[in-house]
Amino acid sequence: MIVIYSEEHRLQAGRSELNDGQLVPCYEKPSRADIVHARIDVVGLGPVVEPSRHGLAPLERVHDAGYLGFLQSAWDEWVVEHGAEIDALPLNWVAPGMTRRSVPRSIDGRLGFYSFDAGTPITAGTWRAATAAADCALTGAGRLREGDRSAFALCRPPGHHAGRAFYGGYCFLNNAAVAAQSLRDGGAARVAVLDVDYHHGNGTQEIFWDRGDVLFVSLHADPADEFPYFCGHADERGGGAGEGANLNLPLPWGTDWNGYAQALATAAGRIGAFAPDALVVSLGADTYGGDPISRFRLLSEDFLRMGAAIAGMGLPTLFVMEGGYAVDDLGVNVANVLTGFLEA
């Protein structure tokens, strides 16, 4: 399995995020990708290559042009207003009853306009790191179009919380959605996105909500209890042409492999009925029992089973790295999914 990886991920290295009422060191940090890369080398998963550059055009197929412009200029505008000693974090957001008529002029207003949390700092290198991650996903999609059975885009920063015109949850560009759209544009009639991250892929759901050509299936912690809280419920099925092309499988805190495997089997059945030409997997390993910001109980060996179950769907598959914050074990868990897939 080819692995696509860019050293430019290191350019996203935030100082702090707001968590549980405190500014704490960022959980989403460069060592996450480093340890996955190191484990891939140990197990000899496959060749590691740099991504090709794809420019703005494939990003504009998924994201709002004004939002992309904001991401490109946000750090420079922040520095003019506040200096370069602190990361750019938003101050306030639109609440029910407040108008949202236009994009504010001030950088502080635009940070709140385009974001949905205070845990996703913009830094000097955010734009370059985010576009390099999207290039990894796009390069992986290209390998599937060329006939590869599978590929792994070792993306960082992650992407599944980023929507058409918003960022948050450590995500700026939706790598999985960009890859799925690229596969569609490359000739796939239908594409499925399977999100196995602990947190609901709210950005991916929003992007494909009203489309019937891309199926979105997500297994995640119940949003009644867990971030991002405001979407990911089982009754969210898509709208318009996308009615029925969105399947959420929320699970309770404490879910172990037995409960997770049942939901994964349901997901596989729905994907099989959709009969896609390709599968994009948003691969978050924060379902692990040792993850510091998650509450599922999967063990490292369960990730082998997860990979085998995904292989059983029998589809050309692009894995796109998302979350996972138990850094010491992250490499083993991610590599186990990929190994389980290859050995099935």
C-alpha atoms as a PDB file:
ATOM      1  CA  MET A   1       0.000   0.000   0.000  1.00  0.00           C
ATOM      2  CA  ILE A   2       1.458   3.333  -1.021  1.00  0.00           C
ATOM      3  CA  VAL A   3       1.654   5.993   1.706  1.00  0.00           C
ATOM      4  CA  ILE A   4       1.496   9.696   0.849  1.00  0.00           C
ATOM      5  CA  TYR A   5       3.151  12.007   3.361  1.00  0.00           C
ATOM      6  CA  SER A   6       4.422  15.592   3.449  1.00  0.00           C
ATOM      7  CA  GLU A   7       6.936  17.070   5.882  1.00  0.00           C
ATOM      8  CA  GLU A   8       5.001  20.324   5.595  1.00  0.00           C
ATOM      9  CA  HIS A   9       2.570  19.002   8.224  1.00  0.00           C
ATOM     10  CA  ARG A  10       5.071  20.332  10.786  1.00  0.00           C
ATOM     11  CA  LEU A  11       4.146  23.887   9.831  1.00  0.00           C
ATOM     12  CA  GLN A  12       0.889  23.488  11.781  1.00  0.00           C
ATOM     13  CA  ALA A  13       2.251  23.575  15.328  1.00  0.00           C
ATOM     14  CA  GLY A  14      -0.149  25.492  17.529  1.00  0.00           C
ATOM     15  CA  ARG A  15       0.881  26.680  20.965  1.00  0.00           C
ATOM     16  CA  SER A  16      -2.413  26.128  22.799  1.00  0.00           C
ATOM     17  CA  GLU A  17      -6.115  25.386  22.554  1.00  0.00           C
ATOM     18  CA  LEU A  18      -9.068  26.094  24.821  1.00  0.00           C
ATOM     19  CA  ASN A  19     -10.117  22.840  26.523  1.00  0.00           C
ATOM     20  CA  ASP A  20     -12.208  22.387  29.686  1.00  0.00           C
ATOM     21  CA  GLY A  21     -11.968  26.102  30.423  1.00  0.00           C
ATOM     22  CA  GLN A  22      -8.197  26.259  30.193  1.00  0.00           C
ATOM     23  CA  LEU A  23      -5.599  27.079  27.563  1.00  0.00           C
ATOM     24  CA  VAL A  24      -3.664  23.824  27.263  1.00  0.00           C
ATOM     25  CA  PRO A  25      -0.979  22.525  24.870  1.00  0.00           C
ATOM     26  CA  CYS A  26      -2.526  21.392  21.595  1.00  0.00           C
ATOM     27  CA  TYR A  27      -3.486  17.712  21.397  1.00  0.00           C
ATOM     28  CA  GLU A  28      -3.217  17.921  17.608  1.00  0.00           C
ATOM     29  CA  LYS A  29       0.573  18.242  17.203  1.00  0.00           C
ATOM     30  CA  PRO A  30       3.346  17.235  14.777  1.00  0.00           C
ATOM     31  CA  SER A  31       4.385  14.160  16.778  1.00  0.00           C
ATOM     32  CA  ARG A  32       1.090  12.516  15.783  1.00  0.00           C
ATOM     33  CA  ALA A  33       2.168  12.188  12.149  1.00  0.00           C
ATOM     34  CA  ASP A  34       5.767  11.447  13.118  1.00  0.00           C
ATOM     35  CA  ILE A  35       4.872   8.368  15.153  1.00  0.00           C
ATOM     36  CA  VAL A  36       2.527   7.012  12.462  1.00  0.00           C
ATOM     37  CA  HIS A  37       5.255   7.492   9.868  1.00  0.00           C
ATOM     38  CA  ALA A  38       7.780   5.723  12.101  1.00  0.00           C
ATOM     39  CA  ARG A  39       5.488   2.742  12.650  1.00  0.00           C
ATOM     40  CA  ILE A  40       4.812   2.439   8.928  1.00  0.00           C
ATOM     41  CA  ASP A  41       8.560   2.171   8.414  1.00  0.00           C
ATOM     42  CA  VAL A  42       8.851  -0.531  11.091  1.00  0.00           C
ATOM     43  CA  VAL A  43       6.134  -2.746   9.636  1.00  0.00           C
ATOM     44  CA  GLY A  44       7.203  -2.117   6.032  1.00  0.00           C
ATOM     45  CA  LEU A  45       3.707  -1.156   5.000  1.00  0.00           C
ATOM     46  CA  GLY A  46       4.726   0.214   1.609  1.00  0.00           C
ATOM     47  CA  PRO A  47       6.603   2.971  -0.180  1.00  0.00           C
ATOM     48  CA  VAL A  48       6.248   6.480   1.252  1.00  0.00           C
ATOM     49  CA  VAL A  49       5.992   9.222  -1.388  1.00  0.00           C
ATOM     50  CA  GLU A  50       5.504  12.978  -1.367  1.00  0.00           C
ATOM     51  CA  PRO A  51       2.229  14.377  -2.684  1.00  0.00           C
ATOM     52  CA  SER A  52       1.830  16.075  -6.018  1.00  0.00           C
ATOM     53  CA  ARG A  53       0.728  19.709  -5.992  1.00  0.00           C
ATOM     54  CA  HIS A  54      -2.857  20.253  -7.088  1.00  0.00           C
ATOM     55  CA  GLY A  55      -3.485  23.961  -6.528  1.00  0.00           C
ATOM     56  CA  LEU A  56      -6.744  25.628  -5.551  1.00  0.00           C
ATOM     57  CA  ALA A  57      -9.088  24.165  -8.172  1.00  0.00           C
ATOM     58  CA  PRO A  58      -9.902  20.862  -6.386  1.00  0.00           C
ATOM     59  CA  LEU A  59     -10.314  22.717  -3.075  1.00  0.00           C
ATOM     60  CA  GLU A  60     -12.823  25.066  -4.682  1.00  0.00           C
ATOM     61  CA  ARG A  61     -14.892  22.040  -5.726  1.00  0.00           C
ATOM     62  CA  VAL A  62     -15.619  21.469  -2.029  1.00  0.00           C
ATOM     63  CA  HIS A  63     -14.988  24.766  -0.188  1.00  0.00           C
ATOM     64  CA  ASP A  64     -16.330  28.295  -0.534  1.00  0.00           C
ATOM     65  CA  ALA A  65     -13.908  30.623  -2.335  1.00  0.00           C
ATOM     66  CA  GLY A  66     -14.298  33.345   0.289  1.00  0.00           C
ATOM     67  CA  TYR A  67     -13.453  30.875   3.032  1.00  0.00           C
ATOM     68  CA  LEU A  68     -10.324  29.724   1.199  1.00  0.00           C
ATOM     69  CA  GLY A  69      -9.273  33.346   0.819  1.00  0.00           C
ATOM     70  CA  PHE A  70      -9.730  33.861   4.554  1.00  0.00           C
ATOM     71  CA  LEU A  71      -7.513  30.871   5.372  1.00  0.00           C
ATOM     72  CA  GLN A  72      -4.789  32.176   3.083  1.00  0.00           C
ATOM     73  CA  SER A  73      -4.672  35.659   4.626  1.00  0.00           C
ATOM     74  CA  ALA A  74      -5.816  35.101   8.235  1.00  0.00           C
ATOM     75  CA  TRP A  75      -2.373  34.785   9.823  1.00  0.00           C
ATOM     76  CA  ASP A  76      -0.937  37.875   8.164  1.00  0.00           C
ATOM     77  CA  GLU A  77      -3.970  39.920   9.202  1.00  0.00           C
ATOM     78  CA  TRP A  78      -3.760  38.544  12.748  1.00  0.00           C
ATOM     79  CA  VAL A  79      -0.110  39.567  13.003  1.00  0.00           C
ATOM     80  CA  VAL A  80      -0.933  43.127  11.944  1.00  0.00           C
ATOM     81  CA  GLU A  81      -3.603  43.340  14.637  1.00  0.00           C
ATOM     82  CA  HIS A  82      -2.112  41.275  17.465  1.00  0.00           C
ATOM     83  CA  GLY A  83       1.496  40.394  16.663  1.00  0.00           C
ATOM     84  CA  ALA A  84       3.096  37.010  15.987  1.00  0.00           C
ATOM     85  CA  GLU A  85       3.676  35.933  19.593  1.00  0.00           C
ATOM     86  CA  ILE A  86       0.280  34.247  20.019  1.00  0.00           C
ATOM     87  CA  ASP A  87      -1.784  32.002  17.752  1.00  0.00           C
ATOM     88  CA  ALA A  88      -4.985  33.242  16.149  1.00  0.00           C
ATOM     89  CA  LEU A  89      -8.001  32.029  18.105  1.00  0.00           C
ATOM     90  CA  PRO A  90     -11.574  33.356  17.838  1.00  0.00           C
ATOM     91  CA  LEU A  91     -13.253  35.447  20.518  1.00  0.00           C
ATOM     92  CA  ASN A  92     -16.975  35.043  19.810  1.00  0.00           C
ATOM     93  CA  TRP A  93     -19.441  33.314  17.491  1.00  0.00           C
ATOM     94  CA  VAL A  94     -22.855  33.863  15.946  1.00  0.00           C
ATOM     95  CA  ALA A  95     -25.644  32.845  18.351  1.00  0.00           C
ATOM     96  CA  PRO A  96     -29.349  32.210  17.637  1.00  0.00           C
ATOM     97  CA  GLY A  97     -31.086  35.500  17.025  1.00  0.00           C
ATOM     98  CA  MET A  98     -27.943  37.314  15.884  1.00  0.00           C
ATOM     99  CA  THR A  99     -27.713  38.343  12.243  1.00  0.00           C
ATOM    100  CA  ARG A 100     -25.084  36.982   9.882  1.00  0.00           C
ATOM    101  CA  ARG A 101     -25.468  39.436   7.032  1.00  0.00           C
ATOM    102  CA  SER A 102     -21.890  39.762   5.857  1.00  0.00           C
ATOM    103  CA  VAL A 103     -18.322  38.811   6.630  1.00  0.00           C
ATOM    104  CA  PRO A 104     -16.915  41.201   9.272  1.00  0.00           C
ATOM    105  CA  ARG A 105     -14.008  43.479   8.329  1.00  0.00           C
ATOM    106  CA  SER A 106     -11.900  42.784  11.426  1.00  0.00           C
ATOM    107  CA  ILE A 107      -9.814  39.631  11.674  1.00  0.00           C
ATOM    108  CA  ASP A 108     -11.331  38.883  15.087  1.00  0.00           C
ATOM    109  CA  GLY A 109     -14.810  39.005  13.603  1.00  0.00           C
ATOM    110  CA  ARG A 110     -13.854  36.796  10.684  1.00  0.00           C
ATOM    111  CA  LEU A 111     -12.257  34.193  12.965  1.00  0.00           C
ATOM    112  CA  GLY A 112     -15.611  33.874  14.733  1.00  0.00           C
ATOM    113  CA  PHE A 113     -17.523  33.967  11.443  1.00  0.00           C
ATOM    114  CA  TYR A 114     -15.635  31.041   9.913  1.00  0.00           C
ATOM    115  CA  SER A 115     -14.877  28.876  12.986  1.00  0.00           C
ATOM    116  CA  PHE A 116     -16.978  26.884  15.414  1.00  0.00           C
ATOM    117  CA  ASP A 117     -14.559  26.300  18.313  1.00  0.00           C
ATOM    118  CA  ALA A 118     -11.564  27.760  20.163  1.00  0.00           C
ATOM    119  CA  GLY A 119      -9.473  24.612  19.904  1.00  0.00           C
ATOM    120  CA  THR A 120      -8.129  25.147  16.402  1.00  0.00           C
ATOM    121  CA  PRO A 121      -5.377  27.765  16.314  1.00  0.00           C
ATOM    122  CA  ILE A 122      -4.283  29.384  13.075  1.00  0.00           C
ATOM    123  CA  THR A 123      -0.512  29.803  12.904  1.00  0.00           C
ATOM    124  CA  ALA A 124       2.070  31.080  10.458  1.00  0.00           C
ATOM    125  CA  GLY A 125       2.171  27.701   8.715  1.00  0.00           C
ATOM    126  CA  THR A 126      -1.487  26.682   8.811  1.00  0.00           C
ATOM    127  CA  TRP A 127      -2.302  27.324   5.155  1.00  0.00           C
ATOM    128  CA  ARG A 128       0.761  25.511   3.829  1.00  0.00           C
ATOM    129  CA  ALA A 129       0.235  22.536   6.144  1.00  0.00           C
ATOM    130  CA  ALA A 130      -3.476  22.285   5.338  1.00  0.00           C
ATOM    131  CA  THR A 131      -2.949  22.443   1.575  1.00  0.00           C
ATOM    132  CA  ALA A 132      -0.162  19.853   1.810  1.00  0.00           C
ATOM    133  CA  ALA A 133      -2.577  17.549   3.666  1.00  0.00           C
ATOM    134  CA  ALA A 134      -5.201  18.044   0.960  1.00  0.00           C
ATOM    135  CA  ASP A 135      -2.542  17.295  -1.659  1.00  0.00           C
ATOM    136  CA  CYS A 136      -1.803  14.011   0.140  1.00  0.00           C
ATOM    137  CA  ALA A 137      -5.474  13.034  -0.101  1.00  0.00           C
ATOM    138  CA  LEU A 138      -5.706  14.110  -3.736  1.00  0.00           C
ATOM    139  CA  THR A 139      -2.568  12.168  -4.630  1.00  0.00           C
ATOM    140  CA  GLY A 140      -4.057   9.093  -2.953  1.00  0.00           C
ATOM    141  CA  ALA A 141      -7.281   9.514  -4.912  1.00  0.00           C
ATOM    142  CA  GLY A 142      -5.184   9.679  -8.056  1.00  0.00           C
ATOM    143  CA  ARG A 143      -3.574   6.338  -7.209  1.00  0.00           C
ATOM    144  CA  LEU A 144      -7.031   4.734  -6.979  1.00  0.00           C
ATOM    145  CA  ARG A 145      -7.959   6.184 -10.363  1.00  0.00           C
ATOM    146  CA  GLU A 146      -4.767   4.642 -11.769  1.00  0.00           C
ATOM    147  CA  GLY A 147      -5.855   1.209 -10.540  1.00  0.00           C
ATOM    148  CA  ASP A 148      -4.346   0.766  -7.067  1.00  0.00           C
ATOM    149  CA  ARG A 149      -6.517  -1.250  -4.687  1.00  0.00           C
ATOM    150  CA  SER A 150      -5.662   0.990  -1.752  1.00  0.00           C
ATOM    151  CA  ALA A 151      -3.627   3.974  -0.555  1.00  0.00           C
ATOM    152  CA  PHE A 152      -3.030   5.794   2.719  1.00  0.00           C
ATOM    153  CA  ALA A 153      -2.915   9.588   2.861  1.00  0.00           C
ATOM    154  CA  LEU A 154      -1.077  10.446   6.092  1.00  0.00           C
ATOM    155  CA  CYS A 155      -2.782  13.819   6.368  1.00  0.00           C
ATOM    156  CA  ARG A 156      -2.089  16.366   9.043  1.00  0.00           C
ATOM    157  CA  PRO A 157      -3.854  18.568   9.985  1.00  0.00           C
ATOM    158  CA  PRO A 158      -6.968  16.383   9.815  1.00  0.00           C
ATOM    159  CA  GLY A 159     -10.050  17.459   7.911  1.00  0.00           C
ATOM    160  CA  HIS A 160     -13.431  15.873   8.648  1.00  0.00           C
ATOM    161  CA  HIS A 161     -14.735  18.702  10.865  1.00  0.00           C
ATOM    162  CA  ALA A 162     -14.142  21.341   8.162  1.00  0.00           C
ATOM    163  CA  GLY A 163     -17.213  22.282   6.135  1.00  0.00           C
ATOM    164  CA  ARG A 164     -17.770  24.308   3.002  1.00  0.00           C
ATOM    165  CA  ALA A 165     -17.054  27.563   4.827  1.00  0.00           C
ATOM    166  CA  PHE A 166     -16.050  26.745   8.389  1.00  0.00           C
ATOM    167  CA  TYR A 167     -13.199  25.228  10.364  1.00  0.00           C
ATOM    168  CA  GLY A 168     -12.833  23.682  13.812  1.00  0.00           C
ATOM    169  CA  GLY A 169     -11.986  20.439  15.547  1.00  0.00           C
ATOM    170  CA  TYR A 170      -8.349  20.870  14.410  1.00  0.00           C
ATOM    171  CA  CYS A 171      -9.523  20.837  10.767  1.00  0.00           C
ATOM    172  CA  PHE A 172      -9.217  23.506   8.057  1.00  0.00           C
ATOM    173  CA  LEU A 173      -9.655  21.722   4.716  1.00  0.00           C
ATOM    174  CA  ASN A 174     -11.770  18.589   4.431  1.00  0.00           C
ATOM    175  CA  ASN A 175      -9.230  16.139   3.028  1.00  0.00           C
ATOM    176  CA  ALA A 176     -11.661  13.217   2.751  1.00  0.00           C
ATOM    177  CA  ALA A 177     -14.310  15.326   1.014  1.00  0.00           C
ATOM    178  CA  VAL A 178     -11.748  16.790  -1.397  1.00  0.00           C
ATOM    179  CA  ALA A 179     -10.599  13.245  -2.244  1.00  0.00           C
ATOM    180  CA  ALA A 180     -14.164  11.971  -2.691  1.00  0.00           C
ATOM    181  CA  GLN A 181     -14.984  14.863  -5.026  1.00  0.00           C
ATOM    182  CA  SER A 182     -11.784  14.216  -6.963  1.00  0.00           C
ATOM    183  CA  LEU A 183     -12.819  10.598  -7.451  1.00  0.00           C
ATOM    184  CA  ARG A 184     -16.221  11.734  -8.706  1.00  0.00           C
ATOM    185  CA  ASP A 185     -14.627  14.223 -11.069  1.00  0.00           C
ATOM    186  CA  GLY A 186     -12.305  11.475 -12.257  1.00  0.00           C
ATOM    187  CA  GLY A 187     -15.150   9.241 -13.391  1.00  0.00           C
ATOM    188  CA  ALA A 188     -16.517   7.423 -10.336  1.00  0.00           C
ATOM    189  CA  ALA A 189     -20.312   7.454 -10.547  1.00  0.00           C
ATOM    190  CA  ARG A 190     -20.743   6.994  -6.797  1.00  0.00           C
ATOM    191  CA  VAL A 191     -18.327   7.336  -3.873  1.00  0.00           C
ATOM    192  CA  ALA A 192     -18.833   6.354  -0.247  1.00  0.00           C
ATOM    193  CA  VAL A 193     -17.134   8.048   2.699  1.00  0.00           C
ATOM    194  CA  LEU A 194     -16.868   5.932   5.857  1.00  0.00           C
ATOM    195  CA  ASP A 195     -15.883   7.918   8.952  1.00  0.00           C
ATOM    196  CA  VAL A 196     -14.535   5.786  11.807  1.00  0.00           C
ATOM    197  CA  ASP A 197     -13.193   8.665  13.904  1.00  0.00           C
ATOM    198  CA  TYR A 198     -14.503   8.892  17.481  1.00  0.00           C
ATOM    199  CA  HIS A 199     -16.057  12.283  16.700  1.00  0.00           C
ATOM    200  CA  HIS A 200     -18.762  12.860  14.121  1.00  0.00           C
ATOM    201  CA  GLY A 201     -17.531  14.143  10.749  1.00  0.00           C
ATOM    202  CA  ASN A 202     -19.817  17.144  10.782  1.00  0.00           C
ATOM    203  CA  GLY A 203     -17.938  18.911   7.989  1.00  0.00           C
ATOM    204  CA  THR A 204     -18.166  15.975   5.606  1.00  0.00           C
ATOM    205  CA  GLN A 205     -21.870  15.595   6.367  1.00  0.00           C
ATOM    206  CA  GLU A 206     -22.496  19.277   5.640  1.00  0.00           C
ATOM    207  CA  ILE A 207     -20.577  19.218   2.355  1.00  0.00           C
ATOM    208  CA  PHE A 208     -22.457  16.223   0.922  1.00  0.00           C
ATOM    209  CA  TRP A 209     -25.793  16.711   2.735  1.00  0.00           C
ATOM    210  CA  ASP A 210     -27.900  17.381  -0.346  1.00  0.00           C
ATOM    211  CA  ARG A 211     -26.134  15.031  -2.763  1.00  0.00           C
ATOM    212  CA  GLY A 212     -27.100  11.512  -3.712  1.00  0.00           C
ATOM    213  CA  ASP A 213     -23.847  10.620  -5.492  1.00  0.00           C
ATOM    214  CA  VAL A 214     -21.717  10.558  -2.314  1.00  0.00           C
ATOM    215  CA  LEU A 215     -22.820   8.393   0.600  1.00  0.00           C
ATOM    216  CA  PHE A 216     -21.614   9.503   4.035  1.00  0.00           C
ATOM    217  CA  VAL A 217     -21.602   6.936   6.855  1.00  0.00           C
ATOM    218  CA  SER A 218     -20.238   7.831  10.296  1.00  0.00           C
ATOM    219  CA  LEU A 219     -19.651   5.780  13.455  1.00  0.00           C
ATOM    220  CA  HIS A 220     -19.044   8.102  16.398  1.00  0.00           C
ATOM    221  CA  ALA A 221     -19.780   8.988  19.990  1.00  0.00           C
ATOM    222  CA  ASP A 222     -23.342  10.128  20.610  1.00  0.00           C
ATOM    223  CA  PRO A 223     -23.493  13.918  20.031  1.00  0.00           C
ATOM    224  CA  ALA A 224     -25.811  14.210  23.025  1.00  0.00           C
ATOM    225  CA  ASP A 225     -22.654  13.656  25.068  1.00  0.00           C
ATOM    226  CA  GLU A 226     -19.708  14.461  22.828  1.00  0.00           C
ATOM    227  CA  PHE A 227     -18.126  17.036  20.498  1.00  0.00           C
ATOM    228  CA  PRO A 228     -19.239  18.408  18.063  1.00  0.00           C
ATOM    229  CA  TYR A 229     -22.600  18.085  19.911  1.00  0.00           C
ATOM    230  CA  PHE A 230     -24.890  19.770  17.402  1.00  0.00           C
ATOM    231  CA  CYS A 231     -25.032  17.184  14.634  1.00  0.00           C
ATOM    232  CA  GLY A 232     -24.458  13.467  14.119  1.00  0.00           C
ATOM    233  CA  HIS A 233     -27.818  12.197  15.340  1.00  0.00           C
ATOM    234  CA  ALA A 234     -29.349   9.063  13.845  1.00  0.00           C
ATOM    235  CA  ASP A 235     -32.293  10.932  12.301  1.00  0.00           C
ATOM    236  CA  GLU A 236     -30.027  13.083  10.106  1.00  0.00           C
ATOM    237  CA  ARG A 237     -30.409  11.331   6.745  1.00  0.00           C
ATOM    238  CA  GLY A 238     -29.542  14.009   4.175  1.00  0.00           C
ATOM    239  CA  GLY A 239     -31.717  16.506   2.336  1.00  0.00           C
ATOM    240  CA  GLY A 240     -33.082  17.020  -1.143  1.00  0.00           C
ATOM    241  CA  ALA A 241     -31.282  14.802  -3.628  1.00  0.00           C
ATOM    242  CA  GLY A 242     -29.223  13.514  -0.730  1.00  0.00           C
ATOM    243  CA  GLU A 243     -32.152  12.144   1.255  1.00  0.00           C
ATOM    244  CA  GLY A 244     -31.072   8.728   2.521  1.00  0.00           C
ATOM    245  CA  ALA A 245     -27.422   9.216   1.514  1.00  0.00           C
ATOM    246  CA  ASN A 246     -26.363  10.080   5.059  1.00  0.00           C
ATOM    247  CA  LEU A 247     -26.173   7.441   7.787  1.00  0.00           C
ATOM    248  CA  ASN A 248     -25.142   8.301  11.338  1.00  0.00           C
ATOM    249  CA  LEU A 249     -24.489   5.513  13.834  1.00  0.00           C
ATOM    250  CA  PRO A 250     -23.999   7.248  17.210  1.00  0.00           C
ATOM    251  CA  LEU A 251     -22.652   5.031  19.992  1.00  0.00           C
ATOM    252  CA  PRO A 252     -22.558   5.469  23.784  1.00  0.00           C
ATOM    253  CA  TRP A 253     -19.537   6.239  25.906  1.00  0.00           C
ATOM    254  CA  GLY A 254     -17.746   3.049  26.861  1.00  0.00           C
ATOM    255  CA  THR A 255     -18.363   1.272  23.539  1.00  0.00           C
ATOM    256  CA  ASP A 256     -15.960  -1.661  23.086  1.00  0.00           C
ATOM    257  CA  TRP A 257     -15.265  -3.803  20.029  1.00  0.00           C
ATOM    258  CA  ASN A 258     -18.440  -5.868  20.400  1.00  0.00           C
ATOM    259  CA  GLY A 259     -20.671  -2.835  20.092  1.00  0.00           C
ATOM    260  CA  TYR A 260     -18.463  -1.167  17.529  1.00  0.00           C
ATOM    261  CA  ALA A 261     -18.327  -4.259  15.302  1.00  0.00           C
ATOM    262  CA  GLN A 262     -22.120  -4.379  15.121  1.00  0.00           C
ATOM    263  CA  ALA A 263     -22.280  -0.754  13.981  1.00  0.00           C
ATOM    264  CA  LEU A 264     -19.478  -1.346  11.482  1.00  0.00           C
ATOM    265  CA  ALA A 265     -21.424  -4.277  10.030  1.00  0.00           C
ATOM    266  CA  THR A 266     -24.460  -1.999   9.626  1.00  0.00           C
ATOM    267  CA  ALA A 267     -22.241   0.552   7.888  1.00  0.00           C
ATOM    268  CA  ALA A 268     -20.842  -2.121   5.558  1.00  0.00           C
ATOM    269  CA  GLY A 269     -24.341  -3.246   4.628  1.00  0.00           C
ATOM    270  CA  ARG A 270     -25.405   0.284   3.739  1.00  0.00           C
ATOM    271  CA  ILE A 271     -22.248   0.877   1.707  1.00  0.00           C
ATOM    272  CA  GLY A 272     -22.770  -2.412  -0.127  1.00  0.00           C
ATOM    273  CA  ALA A 273     -26.337  -1.448  -1.014  1.00  0.00           C
ATOM    274  CA  PHE A 274     -25.103   1.910  -2.344  1.00  0.00           C
ATOM    275  CA  ALA A 275     -22.646   0.060  -4.632  1.00  0.00           C
ATOM    276  CA  PRO A 276     -19.993   2.786  -4.864  1.00  0.00           C
ATOM    277  CA  ASP A 277     -17.064   2.706  -7.251  1.00  0.00           C
ATOM    278  CA  ALA A 278     -14.640   3.728  -4.483  1.00  0.00           C
ATOM    279  CA  LEU A 279     -14.460   4.124  -0.711  1.00  0.00           C
ATOM    280  CA  VAL A 280     -12.795   6.923   1.255  1.00  0.00           C
ATOM    281  CA  VAL A 281     -12.181   6.096   4.927  1.00  0.00           C
ATOM    282  CA  SER A 282     -11.787   8.947   7.400  1.00  0.00           C
ATOM    283  CA  LEU A 283      -9.390   7.036   9.641  1.00  0.00           C
ATOM    284  CA  GLY A 284      -9.441   8.373  13.167  1.00  0.00           C
ATOM    285  CA  ALA A 285      -7.829   6.153  15.805  1.00  0.00           C
ATOM    286  CA  ASP A 286      -9.257   8.073  18.772  1.00  0.00           C
ATOM    287  CA  THR A 287     -11.701   5.209  19.387  1.00  0.00           C
ATOM    288  CA  TYR A 288      -8.777   3.658  21.297  1.00  0.00           C
ATOM    289  CA  GLY A 289      -9.391   3.103  25.008  1.00  0.00           C
ATOM    290  CA  GLY A 290      -6.284   5.061  25.978  1.00  0.00           C
ATOM    291  CA  ASP A 291      -7.141   8.220  24.037  1.00  0.00           C
ATOM    292  CA  PRO A 292      -7.008  11.272  26.331  1.00  0.00           C
ATOM    293  CA  ILE A 293     -10.014  13.108  24.838  1.00  0.00           C
ATOM    294  CA  SER A 294     -12.277  10.165  23.912  1.00  0.00           C
ATOM    295  CA  ARG A 295     -14.374   7.578  25.742  1.00  0.00           C
ATOM    296  CA  PHE A 296     -14.531   4.400  23.668  1.00  0.00           C
ATOM    297  CA  ARG A 297     -12.657   1.236  24.669  1.00  0.00           C
ATOM    298  CA  LEU A 298     -11.174  -0.296  21.537  1.00  0.00           C
ATOM    299  CA  LEU A 299      -7.909  -2.176  22.010  1.00  0.00           C
ATOM    300  CA  SER A 300      -4.943  -2.124  19.638  1.00  0.00           C
ATOM    301  CA  GLU A 301      -5.818  -5.590  18.285  1.00  0.00           C
ATOM    302  CA  ASP A 302      -9.331  -4.372  17.482  1.00  0.00           C
ATOM    303  CA  PHE A 303      -7.901  -2.094  14.822  1.00  0.00           C
ATOM    304  CA  LEU A 304      -6.700  -5.175  12.931  1.00  0.00           C
ATOM    305  CA  ARG A 305     -10.294  -6.387  12.928  1.00  0.00           C
ATOM    306  CA  MET A 306     -11.492  -2.992  11.752  1.00  0.00           C
ATOM    307  CA  GLY A 307      -9.126  -3.089   8.794  1.00  0.00           C
ATOM    308  CA  ALA A 308     -10.253  -6.589   7.855  1.00  0.00           C
ATOM    309  CA  ALA A 309     -13.905  -5.536   8.017  1.00  0.00           C
ATOM    310  CA  ILE A 310     -13.224  -2.605   5.700  1.00  0.00           C
ATOM    311  CA  ALA A 311     -11.373  -4.898   3.280  1.00  0.00           C
ATOM    312  CA  GLY A 312     -14.432  -7.133   3.282  1.00  0.00           C
ATOM    313  CA  MET A 313     -16.376  -4.381   1.511  1.00  0.00           C
ATOM    314  CA  GLY A 314     -14.305  -5.220  -1.576  1.00  0.00           C
ATOM    315  CA  LEU A 315     -13.803  -1.657  -2.805  1.00  0.00           C
ATOM    316  CA  PRO A 316     -10.847   0.436  -3.965  1.00  0.00           C
ATOM    317  CA  THR A 317     -10.105   2.222  -0.708  1.00  0.00           C
ATOM    318  CA  LEU A 318      -8.347   5.432   0.221  1.00  0.00           C
ATOM    319  CA  PHE A 319      -7.548   5.831   3.913  1.00  0.00           C
ATOM    320  CA  VAL A 320      -7.278   9.460   5.022  1.00  0.00           C
ATOM    321  CA  MET A 321      -5.770  10.193   8.439  1.00  0.00           C
ATOM    322  CA  GLU A 322      -8.020  12.033  10.886  1.00  0.00           C
ATOM    323  CA  GLY A 323      -7.861  12.014  14.708  1.00  0.00           C
ATOM    324  CA  GLY A 324      -6.106  10.001  17.406  1.00  0.00           C
ATOM    325  CA  TYR A 325      -4.354  11.616  20.366  1.00  0.00           C
ATOM    326  CA  ALA A 326      -2.881   8.773  22.423  1.00  0.00           C
ATOM    327  CA  VAL A 327       0.370   9.562  20.667  1.00  0.00           C
ATOM    328  CA  ASP A 328       2.496   6.715  22.036  1.00  0.00           C
ATOM    329  CA  ASP A 329       0.032   4.125  20.694  1.00  0.00           C
ATOM    330  CA  LEU A 330      -1.212   5.971  17.627  1.00  0.00           C
ATOM    331  CA  GLY A 331       1.317   4.482  15.207  1.00  0.00           C
ATOM    332  CA  VAL A 332       0.484   0.909  16.213  1.00  0.00           C
ATOM    333  CA  ASN A 333      -3.259   1.495  16.000  1.00  0.00           C
ATOM    334  CA  VAL A 334      -3.190   3.165  12.589  1.00  0.00           C
ATOM    335  CA  ALA A 335      -0.768   0.610  11.159  1.00  0.00           C
ATOM    336  CA  ASN A 336      -2.982  -2.171  12.522  1.00  0.00           C
ATOM    337  CA  VAL A 337      -5.967  -0.910  10.521  1.00  0.00           C
ATOM    338  CA  LEU A 338      -3.905  -0.848   7.347  1.00  0.00           C
ATOM    339  CA  THR A 339      -2.281  -4.219   8.068  1.00  0.00           C
ATOM    340  CA  GLY A 340      -5.645  -5.781   8.819  1.00  0.00           C
ATOM    341  CA  PHE A 341      -6.942  -4.448   5.501  1.00  0.00           C
ATOM    342  CA  LEU A 342      -3.998  -5.789   3.516  1.00  0.00           C
ATOM    343  CA  GLU A 343      -3.988  -9.205   5.163  1.00  0.00           C
ATOM    344  CA  ALA A 344      -7.739  -9.827   4.908  1.00  0.00           C
END
